[in-house]
C-alpha atoms as a PDB file:
ATOM      1  CA  MET A   1      48.373  -3.112   8.725  1.00  0.00           C
ATOM      2  CA  ARG A   2      50.155  -0.147   9.840  1.00  0.00           C
ATOM      3  CA  SER A   3      53.328  -2.071  10.823  1.00  0.00           C
ATOM      4  CA  LYS A   4      54.438  -3.238   7.527  1.00  0.00           C
ATOM      5  CA  SER A   5      54.388   0.377   6.284  1.00  0.00           C
ATOM      6  CA  LEU A   6      56.593   1.374   8.965  1.00  0.00           C
ATOM      7  CA  ILE A   7      59.118  -1.263   8.347  1.00  0.00           C
ATOM      8  CA  ARG A   8      58.671  -0.345   4.871  1.00  0.00           C
ATOM      9  CA  VAL A   9      59.482   3.163   5.111  1.00  0.00           C
ATOM     10  CA  LEU A  10      62.329   2.523   7.592  1.00  0.00           C
ATOM     11  CA  SER A  11      63.860  -0.251   5.613  1.00  0.00           C
ATOM     12  CA  ILE A  12      63.843   2.292   2.408  1.00  0.00           C
ATOM     13  CA  VAL A  13      65.821   5.012   4.772  1.00  0.00           C
ATOM     14  CA  ARG A  14      68.581   2.225   5.475  1.00  0.00           C
ATOM     15  CA  ASP A  15      68.632   1.343   1.831  1.00  0.00           C
ATOM     16  CA  CYS A  16      69.043   5.058   0.715  1.00  0.00           C
ATOM     17  CA  ALA A  17      70.985   6.639   3.519  1.00  0.00           C
ATOM     18  CA  ASP A  18      74.374   6.092   2.260  1.00  0.00           C
ATOM     19  CA  GLY A  19      72.763   8.086  -0.782  1.00  0.00           C
ATOM     20  CA  ARG A  20      72.306   4.991  -3.327  1.00  0.00           C
ATOM     21  CA  ARG A  21      69.961   6.390  -5.969  1.00  0.00           C
ATOM     22  CA  VAL A  22      67.150   4.152  -6.890  1.00  0.00           C
ATOM     23  CA  THR A  23      64.057   3.771  -9.343  1.00  0.00           C
ATOM     24  CA  LEU A  24      60.577   3.612  -8.091  1.00  0.00           C
ATOM     25  CA  TYR A  25      60.227   0.398  -9.859  1.00  0.00           C
ATOM     26  CA  GLU A  26      62.908  -0.975  -8.338  1.00  0.00           C
ATOM     27  CA  LEU A  27      61.992  -0.334  -4.517  1.00  0.00           C
ATOM     28  CA  ALA A  28      58.353  -1.399  -5.460  1.00  0.00           C
ATOM     29  CA  ASP A  29      59.783  -4.755  -6.692  1.00  0.00           C
ATOM     30  CA  THR A  30      61.588  -5.125  -3.623  1.00  0.00           C
ATOM     31  CA  TYR A  31      58.705  -4.577  -1.146  1.00  0.00           C
ATOM     32  CA  GLY A  32      56.187  -6.092  -3.171  1.00  0.00           C
ATOM     33  CA  VAL A  33      54.022  -2.810  -3.497  1.00  0.00           C
ATOM     34  CA  HIS A  34      52.875  -0.639  -6.070  1.00  0.00           C
ATOM     35  CA  ILE A  35      55.131   2.646  -7.324  1.00  0.00           C
ATOM     36  CA  ARG A  36      52.668   5.058  -6.210  1.00  0.00           C
ATOM     37  CA  THR A  37      53.040   3.503  -2.594  1.00  0.00           C
ATOM     38  CA  ILE A  38      56.954   3.763  -2.596  1.00  0.00           C
ATOM     39  CA  ARG A  39      56.434   7.515  -4.128  1.00  0.00           C
ATOM     40  CA  ARG A  40      54.084   8.136  -1.223  1.00  0.00           C
ATOM     41  CA  ASP A  41      57.039   6.688   1.453  1.00  0.00           C
ATOM     42  CA  PHE A  42      58.928   9.153  -0.067  1.00  0.00           C
ATOM     43  CA  TYR A  43      56.678  12.288   0.021  1.00  0.00           C
ATOM     44  CA  ALA A  44      55.858  11.100   3.821  1.00  0.00           C
ATOM     45  CA  LEU A  45      59.810  10.843   4.517  1.00  0.00           C
ATOM     46  CA  GLU A  46      60.675  14.462   3.127  1.00  0.00           C
ATOM     47  CA  ALA A  47      57.490  15.834   5.440  1.00  0.00           C
ATOM     48  CA  ALA A  48      59.188  14.209   8.306  1.00  0.00           C
ATOM     49  CA  GLY A  49      62.264  16.589   7.604  1.00  0.00           C
ATOM     50  CA  PHE A  50      64.396  14.246   5.143  1.00  0.00           C
ATOM     51  CA  ALA A  51      66.151  15.649   2.236  1.00  0.00           C
ATOM     52  CA  ILE A  52      64.944  13.627  -0.920  1.00  0.00           C
ATOM     53  CA  GLY A  53      66.525  14.316  -3.876  1.00  0.00           C
ATOM     54  CA  LYS A  54      65.105  13.123  -7.537  1.00  0.00           C
ATOM     55  CA  THR A  55      66.303  13.639 -10.914  1.00  0.00           C
ATOM     56  CA  PRO A  56      64.647  15.921 -13.463  1.00  0.00           C
ATOM     57  CA  GLU A  57      63.571  12.812 -15.531  1.00  0.00           C
ATOM     58  CA  SER A  58      61.587  12.060 -12.071  1.00  0.00           C
ATOM     59  CA  GLY A  59      58.857  14.546 -13.543  1.00  0.00           C
ATOM     60  CA  ASP A  60      55.603  12.529 -12.382  1.00  0.00           C
ATOM     61  CA  GLY A  61      57.797  10.505 -10.010  1.00  0.00           C
ATOM     62  CA  VAL A  62      57.701   7.503 -12.118  1.00  0.00           C
ATOM     63  CA  ARG A  63      60.976   7.722 -14.367  1.00  0.00           C
ATOM     64  CA  GLY A  64      64.348   8.568 -13.202  1.00  0.00           C
ATOM     65  CA  LEU A  65      65.922   8.182  -9.998  1.00  0.00           C
ATOM     66  CA  TRP A  66      65.229   9.142  -6.182  1.00  0.00           C
ATOM     67  CA  TRP A  67      67.426   9.226  -2.961  1.00  0.00           C
ATOM     68  CA  ILE A  68      67.895  10.802   0.321  1.00  0.00           C
ATOM     69  CA  GLU A  69      70.213  13.675   0.405  1.00  0.00           C
ATOM     70  CA  ARG A  70      70.343  13.999   3.867  1.00  0.00           C
ATOM     71  CA  VAL A  71      68.987  11.871   7.073  1.00  0.00           C
ATOM     72  CA  PRO A  72      68.464  13.785  10.380  1.00  0.00           C
ATOM     73  CA  THR A  73      71.206  13.822  12.585  1.00  0.00           C
ATOM     74  CA  ALA A  74      69.282  11.718  15.404  1.00  0.00           C
ATOM     75  CA  LEU A  75      68.407   8.996  13.208  1.00  0.00           C
ATOM     76  CA  GLN A  76      71.980   8.677  11.786  1.00  0.00           C
ATOM     77  CA  ARG A  77      73.434   7.668  14.930  1.00  0.00           C
ATOM     78  CA  ALA A  78      70.906   5.406  15.316  1.00  0.00           C
ATOM     79  CA  LEU A  79      71.543   3.657  12.098  1.00  0.00           C
ATOM     80  CA  GLN A  80      75.348   3.714  12.656  1.00  0.00           C
ATOM     81  CA  ALA A  81      74.665   1.786  15.875  1.00  0.00           C
END
């Protein structure tokens, strides 16, 4: 169901918009999905213009920390409202 995916991705943005660093395992557990799903969500956000950061240990994306470095300006204003 697409609405669940959209809600999850927007929730990830909300959770990480302040630069909070998270593991894929942490988010997968929070949202009840596989770590590959969370990794795809981060890549989709990156394709949509979000600056995604990850530690060098992330390598294959499973280990290490991920975060949103920069949220597009229009969305930042919407999140603050």
